[in-house]
Amino acid sequence: MLAQAKTNAMQGAMMGFMIGGLFGFAIGCYSAVQTRRFMAIPISTLVSGGSFGFLLGCGSLIRTDEVLDYPNNIQLAEGEWLNAYNFNQKYDV
């Protein structure tokens, strides 16, 4: 289960870095054109990509839980996750 959590966190971090990097690149280009300092482009890209990648990686790690494998792993604590699983009517408990 820990390997799956590590994989999910890495995938989330990579996706977050790409999204944040693209947004940072756009903001950096705009800032570089305004101020004529082209060093703002890579700095903005790396900072935005790193920060958003970290946040998305943490979010993906939090979402990795043992309960996500519900049909094969029945370890529910007094029905606390039953509403979440019955929300989409996939499982009958």
PDB file of N, CA and C in Angstrom:
ATOM      1  N   MET A   1       0.825  -1.200   0.000  1.00  0.00           N
ATOM      2  CA  MET A   1       0.000   0.000   0.000  1.00  0.00           C
ATOM      3  C   MET A   1       0.860   1.252   0.000  1.00  0.00           C
ATOM      4  N   LEU A   2       2.032   1.181   0.630  1.00  0.00           N
ATOM      5  CA  LEU A   2       2.910   2.343   0.678  1.00  0.00           C
ATOM      6  C   LEU A   2       3.479   2.656  -0.699  1.00  0.00           C
ATOM      7  N   ALA A   3       3.726   1.634  -1.492  1.00  0.00           N
ATOM      8  CA  ALA A   3       4.232   1.859  -2.852  1.00  0.00           C
ATOM      9  C   ALA A   3       3.188   2.574  -3.703  1.00  0.00           C
ATOM     10  N   GLN A   4       1.931   2.213  -3.521  1.00  0.00           N
ATOM     11  CA  GLN A   4       0.862   2.881  -4.260  1.00  0.00           C
ATOM     12  C   GLN A   4       0.740   4.336  -3.829  1.00  0.00           C
ATOM     13  N   ALA A   5       0.901   4.604  -2.553  1.00  0.00           N
ATOM     14  CA  ALA A   5       0.832   5.977  -2.058  1.00  0.00           C
ATOM     15  C   ALA A   5       1.979   6.806  -2.628  1.00  0.00           C
ATOM     16  N   LYS A   6       3.167   6.215  -2.691  1.00  0.00           N
ATOM     17  CA  LYS A   6       4.326   6.924  -3.245  1.00  0.00           C
ATOM     18  C   LYS A   6       4.114   7.207  -4.728  1.00  0.00           C
ATOM     19  N   THR A   7       3.572   6.225  -5.449  1.00  0.00           N
ATOM     20  CA  THR A   7       3.318   6.407  -6.876  1.00  0.00           C
ATOM     21  C   THR A   7       2.289   7.500  -7.111  1.00  0.00           C
ATOM     22  N   ASN A   8       1.206   7.494  -6.341  1.00  0.00           N
ATOM     23  CA  ASN A   8       0.176   8.521  -6.494  1.00  0.00           C
ATOM     24  C   ASN A   8       0.710   9.904  -6.164  1.00  0.00           C
ATOM     25  N   ALA A   9       1.533  10.017  -5.126  1.00  0.00           N
ATOM     26  CA  ALA A   9       2.097  11.304  -4.757  1.00  0.00           C
ATOM     27  C   ALA A   9       3.040  11.814  -5.843  1.00  0.00           C
ATOM     28  N   MET A  10       3.848  10.930  -6.416  1.00  0.00           N
ATOM     29  CA  MET A  10       4.770  11.343  -7.479  1.00  0.00           C
ATOM     30  C   MET A  10       4.013  11.765  -8.739  1.00  0.00           C
ATOM     31  N   GLN A  11       2.953  11.032  -9.079  1.00  0.00           N
ATOM     32  CA  GLN A  11       2.162  11.407 -10.253  1.00  0.00           C
ATOM     33  C   GLN A  11       1.483  12.758 -10.042  1.00  0.00           C
ATOM     34  N   GLY A  12       0.960  12.979  -8.848  1.00  0.00           N
ATOM     35  CA  GLY A  12       0.342  14.263  -8.544  1.00  0.00           C
ATOM     36  C   GLY A  12       1.346  15.395  -8.565  1.00  0.00           C
ATOM     37  N   ALA A  13       2.540  15.154  -8.040  1.00  0.00           N
ATOM     38  CA  ALA A  13       3.571  16.184  -8.023  1.00  0.00           C
ATOM     39  C   ALA A  13       4.036  16.521  -9.443  1.00  0.00           C
ATOM     40  N   MET A  14       4.192  15.503 -10.281  1.00  0.00           N
ATOM     41  CA  MET A  14       4.614  15.768 -11.662  1.00  0.00           C
ATOM     42  C   MET A  14       3.546  16.537 -12.431  1.00  0.00           C
ATOM     43  N   MET A  15       2.294  16.149 -12.244  1.00  0.00           N
ATOM     44  CA  MET A  15       1.223  16.864 -12.925  1.00  0.00           C
ATOM     45  C   MET A  15       1.119  18.297 -12.418  1.00  0.00           C
ATOM     46  N   GLY A  16       1.257  18.473 -11.112  1.00  0.00           N
ATOM     47  CA  GLY A  16       1.213  19.812 -10.546  1.00  0.00           C
ATOM     48  C   GLY A  16       2.373  20.662 -11.017  1.00  0.00           C
ATOM     49  N   PHE A  17       3.562  20.062 -11.153  1.00  0.00           N
ATOM     50  CA  PHE A  17       4.707  20.815 -11.639  1.00  0.00           C
ATOM     51  C   PHE A  17       4.499  21.264 -13.075  1.00  0.00           C
ATOM     52  N   MET A  18       3.906  20.391 -13.891  1.00  0.00           N
ATOM     53  CA  MET A  18       3.661  20.780 -15.280  1.00  0.00           C
ATOM     54  C   MET A  18       2.629  21.897 -15.379  1.00  0.00           C
ATOM     55  N   ILE A  19       1.541  21.773 -14.632  1.00  0.00           N
ATOM     56  CA  ILE A  19       0.497  22.796 -14.684  1.00  0.00           C
ATOM     57  C   ILE A  19       1.009  24.112 -14.108  1.00  0.00           C
ATOM     58  N   GLY A  20       1.642  24.048 -12.951  1.00  0.00           N
ATOM     59  CA  GLY A  20       2.186  25.256 -12.343  1.00  0.00           C
ATOM     60  C   GLY A  20       3.294  25.866 -13.173  1.00  0.00           C
ATOM     61  N   GLY A  21       4.101  25.018 -13.807  1.00  0.00           N
ATOM     62  CA  GLY A  21       5.168  25.521 -14.668  1.00  0.00           C
ATOM     63  C   GLY A  21       4.632  26.253 -15.886  1.00  0.00           C
ATOM     64  N   LEU A  22       3.582  25.726 -16.487  1.00  0.00           N
ATOM     65  CA  LEU A  22       2.980  26.414 -17.634  1.00  0.00           C
ATOM     66  C   LEU A  22       2.383  27.752 -17.222  1.00  0.00           C
ATOM     67  N   PHE A  23       1.704  27.765 -16.090  1.00  0.00           N
ATOM     68  CA  PHE A  23       1.129  29.016 -15.608  1.00  0.00           C
ATOM     69  C   PHE A  23       2.238  30.000 -15.236  1.00  0.00           C
ATOM     70  N   GLY A  24       3.284  29.518 -14.585  1.00  0.00           N
ATOM     71  CA  GLY A  24       4.417  30.367 -14.235  1.00  0.00           C
ATOM     72  C   GLY A  24       5.147  30.886 -15.468  1.00  0.00           C
ATOM     73  N   PHE A  25       5.227  30.057 -16.515  1.00  0.00           N
ATOM     74  CA  PHE A  25       5.844  30.501 -17.760  1.00  0.00           C
ATOM     75  C   PHE A  25       5.056  31.652 -18.373  1.00  0.00           C
ATOM     76  N   ALA A  26       3.727  31.527 -18.362  1.00  0.00           N
ATOM     77  CA  ALA A  26       2.894  32.594 -18.917  1.00  0.00           C
ATOM     78  C   ALA A  26       3.041  33.884 -18.104  1.00  0.00           C
ATOM     79  N   ILE A  27       3.009  33.771 -16.795  1.00  0.00           N
ATOM     80  CA  ILE A  27       3.165  34.949 -15.938  1.00  0.00           C
ATOM     81  C   ILE A  27       4.571  35.528 -16.085  1.00  0.00           C
ATOM     82  N   GLY A  28       5.584  34.655 -16.178  1.00  0.00           N
ATOM     83  CA  GLY A  28       6.956  35.111 -16.354  1.00  0.00           C
ATOM     84  C   GLY A  28       7.162  35.842 -17.665  1.00  0.00           C
ATOM     85  N   CYS A  29       6.551  35.342 -18.745  1.00  0.00           N
ATOM     86  CA  CYS A  29       6.659  36.026 -20.035  1.00  0.00           C
ATOM     87  C   CYS A  29       6.014  37.405 -19.980  1.00  0.00           C
ATOM     88  N   TYR A  30       4.873  37.488 -19.364  1.00  0.00           N
ATOM     89  CA  TYR A  30       4.196  38.771 -19.229  1.00  0.00           C
ATOM     90  C   TYR A  30       5.040  39.743 -18.408  1.00  0.00           C
ATOM     91  N   SER A  31       5.599  39.262 -17.318  1.00  0.00           N
ATOM     92  CA  SER A  31       6.435  40.095 -16.470  1.00  0.00           C
ATOM     93  C   SER A  31       7.725  40.496 -17.177  1.00  0.00           C
ATOM     94  N   ALA A  32       8.314  39.588 -17.946  1.00  0.00           N
ATOM     95  CA  ALA A  32       9.556  39.886 -18.660  1.00  0.00           C
ATOM     96  C   ALA A  32       9.349  40.939 -19.734  1.00  0.00           C
ATOM     97  N   VAL A  33       8.205  40.889 -20.412  1.00  0.00           N
ATOM     98  CA  VAL A  33       7.921  41.892 -21.434  1.00  0.00           C
ATOM     99  C   VAL A  33       7.713  43.254 -20.788  1.00  0.00           C
ATOM    100  N   GLN A  34       7.049  43.285 -19.651  1.00  0.00           N
ATOM    101  CA  GLN A  34       6.801  44.555 -18.974  1.00  0.00           C
ATOM    102  C   GLN A  34       8.077  45.173 -18.414  1.00  0.00           C
ATOM    103  N   THR A  35       8.894  44.379 -17.761  1.00  0.00           N
ATOM    104  CA  THR A  35      10.061  44.914 -17.056  1.00  0.00           C
ATOM    105  C   THR A  35      11.364  44.763 -17.838  1.00  0.00           C
ATOM    106  N   ARG A  36      11.338  44.063 -18.967  1.00  0.00           N
ATOM    107  CA  ARG A  36      12.520  43.782 -19.793  1.00  0.00           C
ATOM    108  C   ARG A  36      13.612  43.056 -19.005  1.00  0.00           C
ATOM    109  N   ARG A  37      13.205  42.224 -18.097  1.00  0.00           N
ATOM    110  CA  ARG A  37      14.111  41.350 -17.346  1.00  0.00           C
ATOM    111  C   ARG A  37      13.711  39.910 -17.656  1.00  0.00           C
ATOM    112  N   PHE A  38      14.434  39.304 -18.560  1.00  0.00           N
ATOM    113  CA  PHE A  38      14.048  37.988 -19.044  1.00  0.00           C
ATOM    114  C   PHE A  38      14.446  36.863 -18.098  1.00  0.00           C
ATOM    115  N   MET A  39      15.141  37.176 -17.043  1.00  0.00           N
ATOM    116  CA  MET A  39      15.451  36.166 -16.030  1.00  0.00           C
ATOM    117  C   MET A  39      14.203  35.798 -15.232  1.00  0.00           C
ATOM    118  N   ALA A  40      13.151  36.586 -15.361  1.00  0.00           N
ATOM    119  CA  ALA A  40      11.903  36.310 -14.645  1.00  0.00           C
ATOM    120  C   ALA A  40      11.197  35.067 -15.182  1.00  0.00           C
ATOM    121  N   ILE A  41      11.467  34.705 -16.430  1.00  0.00           N
ATOM    122  CA  ILE A  41      10.761  33.568 -17.028  1.00  0.00           C
ATOM    123  C   ILE A  41      11.146  32.245 -16.353  1.00  0.00           C
ATOM    124  N   PRO A  42      12.426  31.866 -16.281  1.00  0.00           N
ATOM    125  CA  PRO A  42      12.724  30.587 -15.629  1.00  0.00           C
ATOM    126  C   PRO A  42      12.482  30.602 -14.126  1.00  0.00           C
ATOM    127  N   ILE A  43      12.694  31.740 -13.490  1.00  0.00           N
ATOM    128  CA  ILE A  43      12.443  31.811 -12.043  1.00  0.00           C
ATOM    129  C   ILE A  43      10.966  31.611 -11.758  1.00  0.00           C
ATOM    130  N   SER A  44      10.128  32.299 -12.492  1.00  0.00           N
ATOM    131  CA  SER A  44       8.683  32.170 -12.292  1.00  0.00           C
ATOM    132  C   SER A  44       8.201  30.764 -12.622  1.00  0.00           C
ATOM    133  N   THR A  45       8.763  30.160 -13.671  1.00  0.00           N
ATOM    134  CA  THR A  45       8.377  28.803 -14.058  1.00  0.00           C
ATOM    135  C   THR A  45       8.726  27.796 -12.970  1.00  0.00           C
ATOM    136  N   LEU A  46       9.947  27.867 -12.446  1.00  0.00           N
ATOM    137  CA  LEU A  46      10.373  26.912 -11.426  1.00  0.00           C
ATOM    138  C   LEU A  46       9.647  27.108 -10.096  1.00  0.00           C
ATOM    139  N   VAL A  47       9.472  28.356  -9.694  1.00  0.00           N
ATOM    140  CA  VAL A  47       8.806  28.608  -8.411  1.00  0.00           C
ATOM    141  C   VAL A  47       7.336  28.198  -8.466  1.00  0.00           C
ATOM    142  N   SER A  48       6.645  28.574  -9.530  1.00  0.00           N
ATOM    143  CA  SER A  48       5.228  28.202  -9.650  1.00  0.00           C
ATOM    144  C   SER A  48       5.055  26.696  -9.803  1.00  0.00           C
ATOM    145  N   GLY A  49       5.904  26.086 -10.614  1.00  0.00           N
ATOM    146  CA  GLY A  49       5.825  24.639 -10.801  1.00  0.00           C
ATOM    147  C   GLY A  49       6.135  23.883  -9.525  1.00  0.00           C
ATOM    148  N   GLY A  50       7.157  24.317  -8.807  1.00  0.00           N
ATOM    149  CA  GLY A  50       7.521  23.644  -7.558  1.00  0.00           C
ATOM    150  C   GLY A  50       6.461  23.765  -6.487  1.00  0.00           C
ATOM    151  N   SER A  51       5.909  24.961  -6.341  1.00  0.00           N
ATOM    152  CA  SER A  51       4.908  25.140  -5.284  1.00  0.00           C
ATOM    153  C   SER A  51       3.614  24.400  -5.607  1.00  0.00           C
ATOM    154  N   PHE A  52       3.146  24.487  -6.855  1.00  0.00           N
ATOM    155  CA  PHE A  52       1.908  23.791  -7.190  1.00  0.00           C
ATOM    156  C   PHE A  52       2.125  22.283  -7.243  1.00  0.00           C
ATOM    157  N   GLY A  53       3.308  21.860  -7.649  1.00  0.00           N
ATOM    158  CA  GLY A  53       3.621  20.429  -7.645  1.00  0.00           C
ATOM    159  C   GLY A  53       3.633  19.865  -6.234  1.00  0.00           C
ATOM    160  N   PHE A  54       4.191  20.628  -5.300  1.00  0.00           N
ATOM    161  CA  PHE A  54       4.193  20.190  -3.904  1.00  0.00           C
ATOM    162  C   PHE A  54       2.772  20.069  -3.367  1.00  0.00           C
ATOM    163  N   LEU A  55       1.941  21.061  -3.644  1.00  0.00           N
ATOM    164  CA  LEU A  55       0.566  21.032  -3.144  1.00  0.00           C
ATOM    165  C   LEU A  55      -0.237  19.883  -3.766  1.00  0.00           C
ATOM    166  N   LEU A  56      -0.096  19.676  -5.050  1.00  0.00           N
ATOM    167  CA  LEU A  56      -0.841  18.597  -5.699  1.00  0.00           C
ATOM    168  C   LEU A  56      -0.307  17.232  -5.282  1.00  0.00           C
ATOM    169  N   GLY A  57       0.994  17.137  -5.032  1.00  0.00           N
ATOM    170  CA  GLY A  57       1.559  15.881  -4.531  1.00  0.00           C
ATOM    171  C   GLY A  57       1.038  15.540  -3.153  1.00  0.00           C
ATOM    172  N   CYS A  58       0.953  16.554  -2.275  1.00  0.00           N
ATOM    173  CA  CYS A  58       0.391  16.323  -0.938  1.00  0.00           C
ATOM    174  C   CYS A  58      -1.075  15.939  -1.022  1.00  0.00           C
ATOM    175  N   GLY A  59      -1.811  16.591  -1.902  1.00  0.00           N
ATOM    176  CA  GLY A  59      -3.222  16.250  -2.066  1.00  0.00           C
ATOM    177  C   GLY A  59      -3.421  14.835  -2.580  1.00  0.00           C
ATOM    178  N   SER A  60      -2.576  14.413  -3.499  1.00  0.00           N
ATOM    179  CA  SER A  60      -2.670  13.047  -4.009  1.00  0.00           C
ATOM    180  C   SER A  60      -2.287  12.034  -2.948  1.00  0.00           C
ATOM    181  N   LEU A  61      -1.344  12.381  -2.109  1.00  0.00           N
ATOM    182  CA  LEU A  61      -0.950  11.488  -1.022  1.00  0.00           C
ATOM    183  C   LEU A  61      -2.065  11.349  -0.001  1.00  0.00           C
ATOM    184  N   ILE A  62      -2.752  12.426   0.294  1.00  0.00           N
ATOM    185  CA  ILE A  62      -3.857  12.389   1.250  1.00  0.00           C
ATOM    186  C   ILE A  62      -5.005  11.542   0.706  1.00  0.00           C
ATOM    187  N   ARG A  63      -5.247  11.631  -0.589  1.00  0.00           N
ATOM    188  CA  ARG A  63      -6.355  10.876  -1.175  1.00  0.00           C
ATOM    189  C   ARG A  63      -6.078   9.391  -1.281  1.00  0.00           C
ATOM    190  N   THR A  64      -4.827   8.967  -1.147  1.00  0.00           N
ATOM    191  CA  THR A  64      -4.494   7.551  -1.162  1.00  0.00           C
ATOM    192  C   THR A  64      -4.828   6.980   0.197  1.00  0.00           C
ATOM    193  N   ASP A  65      -5.783   6.099   0.236  1.00  0.00           N
ATOM    194  CA  ASP A  65      -6.229   5.559   1.510  1.00  0.00           C
ATOM    195  C   ASP A  65      -6.536   4.082   1.335  1.00  0.00           C
ATOM    196  N   GLU A  66      -6.465   3.348   2.412  1.00  0.00           N
ATOM    197  CA  GLU A  66      -6.755   1.921   2.348  1.00  0.00           C
ATOM    198  C   GLU A  66      -8.204   1.645   2.020  1.00  0.00           C
ATOM    199  N   VAL A  67      -9.073   2.572   2.315  1.00  0.00           N
ATOM    200  CA  VAL A  67     -10.499   2.366   2.097  1.00  0.00           C
ATOM    201  C   VAL A  67     -10.838   2.423   0.609  1.00  0.00           C
ATOM    202  N   LEU A  68      -9.962   2.989  -0.221  1.00  0.00           N
ATOM    203  CA  LEU A  68     -10.236   3.070  -1.642  1.00  0.00           C
ATOM    204  C   LEU A  68     -10.316   1.693  -2.291  1.00  0.00           C
ATOM    205  N   ASP A  69      -9.742   0.699  -1.671  1.00  0.00           N
ATOM    206  CA  ASP A  69      -9.792  -0.666  -2.178  1.00  0.00           C
ATOM    207  C   ASP A  69     -10.893  -1.427  -1.434  1.00  0.00           C
ATOM    208  N   TYR A  70     -12.064  -0.837  -1.343  1.00  0.00           N
ATOM    209  CA  TYR A  70     -13.131  -1.338  -0.478  1.00  0.00           C
ATOM    210  C   TYR A  70     -13.594  -2.767  -0.778  1.00  0.00           C
ATOM    211  N   PRO A  71     -13.888  -3.142  -2.014  1.00  0.00           N
ATOM    212  CA  PRO A  71     -14.420  -4.499  -2.198  1.00  0.00           C
ATOM    213  C   PRO A  71     -13.445  -5.594  -1.781  1.00  0.00           C
ATOM    214  N   ASN A  72     -12.152  -5.336  -1.871  1.00  0.00           N
ATOM    215  CA  ASN A  72     -11.169  -6.339  -1.507  1.00  0.00           C
ATOM    216  C   ASN A  72     -10.661  -6.185  -0.077  1.00  0.00           C
ATOM    217  N   ASN A  73     -10.892  -5.047   0.531  1.00  0.00           N
ATOM    218  CA  ASN A  73     -10.337  -4.757   1.846  1.00  0.00           C
ATOM    219  C   ASN A  73     -11.453  -4.211   2.734  1.00  0.00           C
ATOM    220  N   ILE A  74     -12.140  -5.076   3.441  1.00  0.00           N
ATOM    221  CA  ILE A  74     -13.272  -4.638   4.259  1.00  0.00           C
ATOM    222  C   ILE A  74     -12.765  -4.361   5.667  1.00  0.00           C
ATOM    223  N   GLN A  75     -12.415  -3.112   5.908  1.00  0.00           N
ATOM    224  CA  GLN A  75     -11.971  -2.675   7.227  1.00  0.00           C
ATOM    225  C   GLN A  75     -12.623  -1.344   7.557  1.00  0.00           C
ATOM    226  N   LEU A  76     -13.925  -1.277   7.475  1.00  0.00           N
ATOM    227  CA  LEU A  76     -14.629  -0.034   7.760  1.00  0.00           C
ATOM    228  C   LEU A  76     -14.884   0.080   9.257  1.00  0.00           C
ATOM    229  N   ALA A  77     -14.745   1.277   9.774  1.00  0.00           N
ATOM    230  CA  ALA A  77     -14.937   1.514  11.199  1.00  0.00           C
ATOM    231  C   ALA A  77     -16.348   2.046  11.444  1.00  0.00           C
ATOM    232  N   GLU A  78     -17.235   1.198  11.871  1.00  0.00           N
ATOM    233  CA  GLU A  78     -18.606   1.531  12.262  1.00  0.00           C
ATOM    234  C   GLU A  78     -19.346   2.368  11.228  1.00  0.00           C
ATOM    235  N   GLY A  79     -19.181   2.031   9.968  1.00  0.00           N
ATOM    236  CA  GLY A  79     -19.951   2.664   8.917  1.00  0.00           C
ATOM    237  C   GLY A  79     -19.579   4.087   8.579  1.00  0.00           C
ATOM    238  N   GLU A  80     -18.389   4.529   8.917  1.00  0.00           N
ATOM    239  CA  GLU A  80     -18.049   5.915   8.646  1.00  0.00           C
ATOM    240  C   GLU A  80     -17.849   6.191   7.156  1.00  0.00           C
ATOM    241  N   TRP A  81     -17.517   5.171   6.369  1.00  0.00           N
ATOM    242  CA  TRP A  81     -17.329   5.381   4.945  1.00  0.00           C
ATOM    243  C   TRP A  81     -18.503   4.849   4.120  1.00  0.00           C
ATOM    244  N   LEU A  82     -19.537   4.346   4.753  1.00  0.00           N
ATOM    245  CA  LEU A  82     -20.638   3.752   3.998  1.00  0.00           C
ATOM    246  C   LEU A  82     -21.366   4.781   3.146  1.00  0.00           C
ATOM    247  N   ASN A  83     -21.540   5.984   3.653  1.00  0.00           N
ATOM    248  CA  ASN A  83     -22.233   7.007   2.864  1.00  0.00           C
ATOM    249  C   ASN A  83     -21.449   7.384   1.622  1.00  0.00           C
ATOM    250  N   ALA A  84     -20.143   7.430   1.720  1.00  0.00           N
ATOM    251  CA  ALA A  84     -19.321   7.775   0.558  1.00  0.00           C
ATOM    252  C   ALA A  84     -19.426   6.701  -0.511  1.00  0.00           C
ATOM    253  N   TYR A  85     -19.481   5.441  -0.129  1.00  0.00           N
ATOM    254  CA  TYR A  85     -19.564   4.373  -1.113  1.00  0.00           C
ATOM    255  C   TYR A  85     -20.975   4.200  -1.656  1.00  0.00           C
ATOM    256  N   ASN A  86     -21.958   4.464  -0.874  1.00  0.00           N
ATOM    257  CA  ASN A  86     -23.326   4.323  -1.351  1.00  0.00           C
ATOM    258  C   ASN A  86     -23.800   5.551  -2.110  1.00  0.00           C
ATOM    259  N   PHE A  87     -22.986   6.606  -2.159  1.00  0.00           N
ATOM    260  CA  PHE A  87     -23.376   7.824  -2.852  1.00  0.00           C
ATOM    261  C   PHE A  87     -23.624   7.577  -4.338  1.00  0.00           C
ATOM    262  N   ASN A  88     -22.764   6.788  -4.976  1.00  0.00           N
ATOM    263  CA  ASN A  88     -22.938   6.517  -6.387  1.00  0.00           C
ATOM    264  C   ASN A  88     -23.575   5.162  -6.656  1.00  0.00           C
ATOM    265  N   GLN A  89     -24.061   4.495  -5.637  1.00  0.00           N
ATOM    266  CA  GLN A  89     -24.815   3.248  -5.749  1.00  0.00           C
ATOM    267  C   GLN A  89     -24.046   2.142  -6.464  1.00  0.00           C
ATOM    268  N   LYS A  90     -22.734   2.100  -6.286  1.00  0.00           N
ATOM    269  CA  LYS A  90     -21.960   1.006  -6.873  1.00  0.00           C
ATOM    270  C   LYS A  90     -21.957  -0.219  -5.979  1.00  0.00           C
ATOM    271  N   TYR A  91     -21.898  -0.002  -4.670  1.00  0.00           N
ATOM    272  CA  TYR A  91     -21.736  -1.095  -3.739  1.00  0.00           C
ATOM    273  C   TYR A  91     -22.959  -1.208  -2.838  1.00  0.00           C
ATOM    274  N   ASP A  92     -23.385  -2.399  -2.592  1.00  0.00           N
ATOM    275  CA  ASP A  92     -24.481  -2.633  -1.661  1.00  0.00           C
ATOM    276  C   ASP A  92     -23.892  -3.188  -0.371  1.00  0.00           C
ATOM    277  N   VAL A  93     -24.026  -2.419   0.685  1.00  0.00           N
ATOM    278  CA  VAL A  93     -23.475  -2.847   1.975  1.00  0.00           C
ATOM    279  C   VAL A  93     -24.617  -3.000   2.946  1.00  0.00           C
TER     280      VAL A  93
END
